[in-house]
Protein backbone atom coordinates (compact mmCIF):
# COMPACT_ATOMS: atom_id res chain seq x y z
CA UNK A 1 11.94 3.94 -8.87
CA UNK A 2 11.13 0.87 -6.83
CA UNK A 3 13.39 -2.02 -7.78
CA UNK A 4 11.74 -4.71 -5.75
CA UNK A 5 8.13 -5.78 -5.23
CA UNK A 6 7.39 -7.32 -1.86
CA UNK A 7 4.92 -10.07 -2.50
CA UNK A 8 2.18 -11.03 0.04
CA UNK A 9 2.02 -14.26 1.92
CA UNK A 10 5.77 -14.73 2.04
CA UNK A 11 6.16 -15.49 -1.65
CA UNK A 12 9.48 -14.59 -3.20
CA UNK A 13 10.03 -10.91 -3.95
CA UNK A 14 10.48 -9.99 -7.54
CA UNK A 15 11.94 -7.27 -9.60
CA UNK A 16 9.60 -4.32 -10.46
CA UNK A 17 8.24 -4.46 -13.99
CA UNK A 18 6.10 -1.43 -14.68
CA UNK A 19 4.48 -2.97 -17.76
CA UNK A 20 2.68 -5.52 -15.59
CA UNK A 21 0.63 -2.70 -14.03
CA UNK A 22 -0.35 -1.26 -17.38
CA UNK A 23 -1.33 -4.64 -18.79
CA UNK A 24 -3.49 -5.31 -15.72
CA UNK A 25 -5.24 -2.02 -15.98
CA UNK A 26 -5.97 -2.56 -19.67
CA UNK A 27 -7.39 -6.00 -18.91
CA UNK A 28 -9.63 -4.62 -16.10
CA UNK A 29 -10.81 -1.81 -18.31
CA UNK A 30 -11.76 -4.27 -21.09
CA UNK A 31 -13.44 -6.60 -18.52
CA UNK A 32 -15.44 -3.59 -17.44
CA UNK A 33 -16.81 -3.33 -20.95
CA UNK A 34 -15.32 -0.04 -21.88
CA UNK A 35 -14.48 0.90 -25.41
CA UNK A 36 -10.87 0.67 -26.50
CA UNK A 37 -10.36 4.35 -26.48
CA UNK A 38 -11.84 4.86 -22.91
CA UNK A 39 -10.02 1.73 -21.64
CA UNK A 40 -6.69 2.98 -22.94
CA UNK A 41 -7.20 6.47 -21.50
CA UNK A 42 -8.05 5.22 -17.99
CA UNK A 43 -5.28 2.63 -18.03
CA UNK A 44 -2.77 5.18 -19.14
CA UNK A 45 -3.69 7.80 -16.58
CA UNK A 46 -3.98 5.38 -13.67
CA UNK A 47 -0.57 3.72 -14.71
CA UNK A 48 1.22 7.12 -14.64
CA UNK A 49 -0.37 8.10 -11.30
CA UNK A 50 0.72 4.73 -9.86
CA UNK A 51 4.27 5.08 -11.23
CA UNK A 52 4.57 8.44 -9.71
CA UNK A 53 3.68 6.92 -6.35
CA UNK A 54 6.16 4.00 -6.80
CA UNK A 55 9.09 6.20 -7.82
CA UNK A 56 9.58 7.30 -4.28
CA UNK A 57 10.67 3.90 -2.90
CA UNK A 58 13.37 1.24 -3.35
CA UNK A 59 10.91 -1.45 -2.28
CA UNK A 60 7.09 -1.40 -2.44
CA UNK A 61 4.65 -4.10 -1.51
CA UNK A 62 2.21 -5.55 -4.16
CA UNK A 63 -0.52 -4.71 -1.70
CA UNK A 64 0.49 -0.94 -1.56
CA UNK A 65 0.45 -0.91 -5.42
CA UNK A 66 -2.96 -2.55 -5.45
CA UNK A 67 -4.34 -0.15 -2.78
CA UNK A 68 -2.97 2.91 -4.69
CA UNK A 69 -4.61 1.70 -8.03
CA UNK A 70 -7.97 1.25 -6.32
CA UNK A 71 -7.69 4.61 -4.61
CA UNK A 72 -6.93 6.28 -7.93
CA UNK A 73 -9.75 4.59 -9.70
CA UNK A 74 -12.33 5.38 -7.02
CA UNK A 75 -11.22 8.85 -6.17
CA UNK A 76 -14.15 10.39 -8.11
CA UNK A 77 -17.43 8.73 -7.39
CA UNK A 78 -19.02 10.48 -10.42
CA UNK A 79 -16.58 8.88 -12.85
CA UNK A 80 -18.51 5.66 -13.79
CA UNK A 81 -15.88 4.35 -16.10
CA UNK A 82 -13.09 4.48 -13.54
CA UNK A 83 -15.32 2.99 -10.91
CA UNK A 84 -16.20 0.14 -13.33
CA UNK A 85 -12.55 -0.63 -13.81
CA UNK A 86 -12.11 -0.66 -10.08
CA UNK A 87 -14.93 -3.13 -9.77
CA UNK A 88 -13.60 -5.34 -12.50
CA UNK A 89 -10.14 -5.30 -10.89
CA UNK A 90 -11.74 -6.35 -7.45
CA UNK A 91 -13.84 -9.05 -9.16
CA UNK A 92 -10.73 -10.54 -10.69
CA UNK A 93 -8.99 -10.64 -7.33
CA UNK A 94 -11.99 -12.20 -5.75
CA UNK A 95 -12.31 -14.94 -8.44
CA UNK A 96 -8.59 -15.77 -8.97
CA UNK A 97 -6.52 -14.56 -6.09
CA UNK A 98 -8.56 -15.47 -2.99
């Protein structure tokens, strides 16, 4: 599994902590207004798919992780809940990380 996260903008790299992904997904799902059960299900499924992707590398960039998460969440245009989580994730980035 990836051991190092390469941060954008030349910030210091940091150790990979998988739980940060799960927590971020849960927050985005709640921000999207989903019920606890649906939020937990989407966060868990997306988390595991993301971890499977990360397992293949010693290093992975935070941008690659973000792009993988958005790709997973938007892979089915008919899944309104997952798309809502993707929108909440992107809105958070726009407001706080730009």
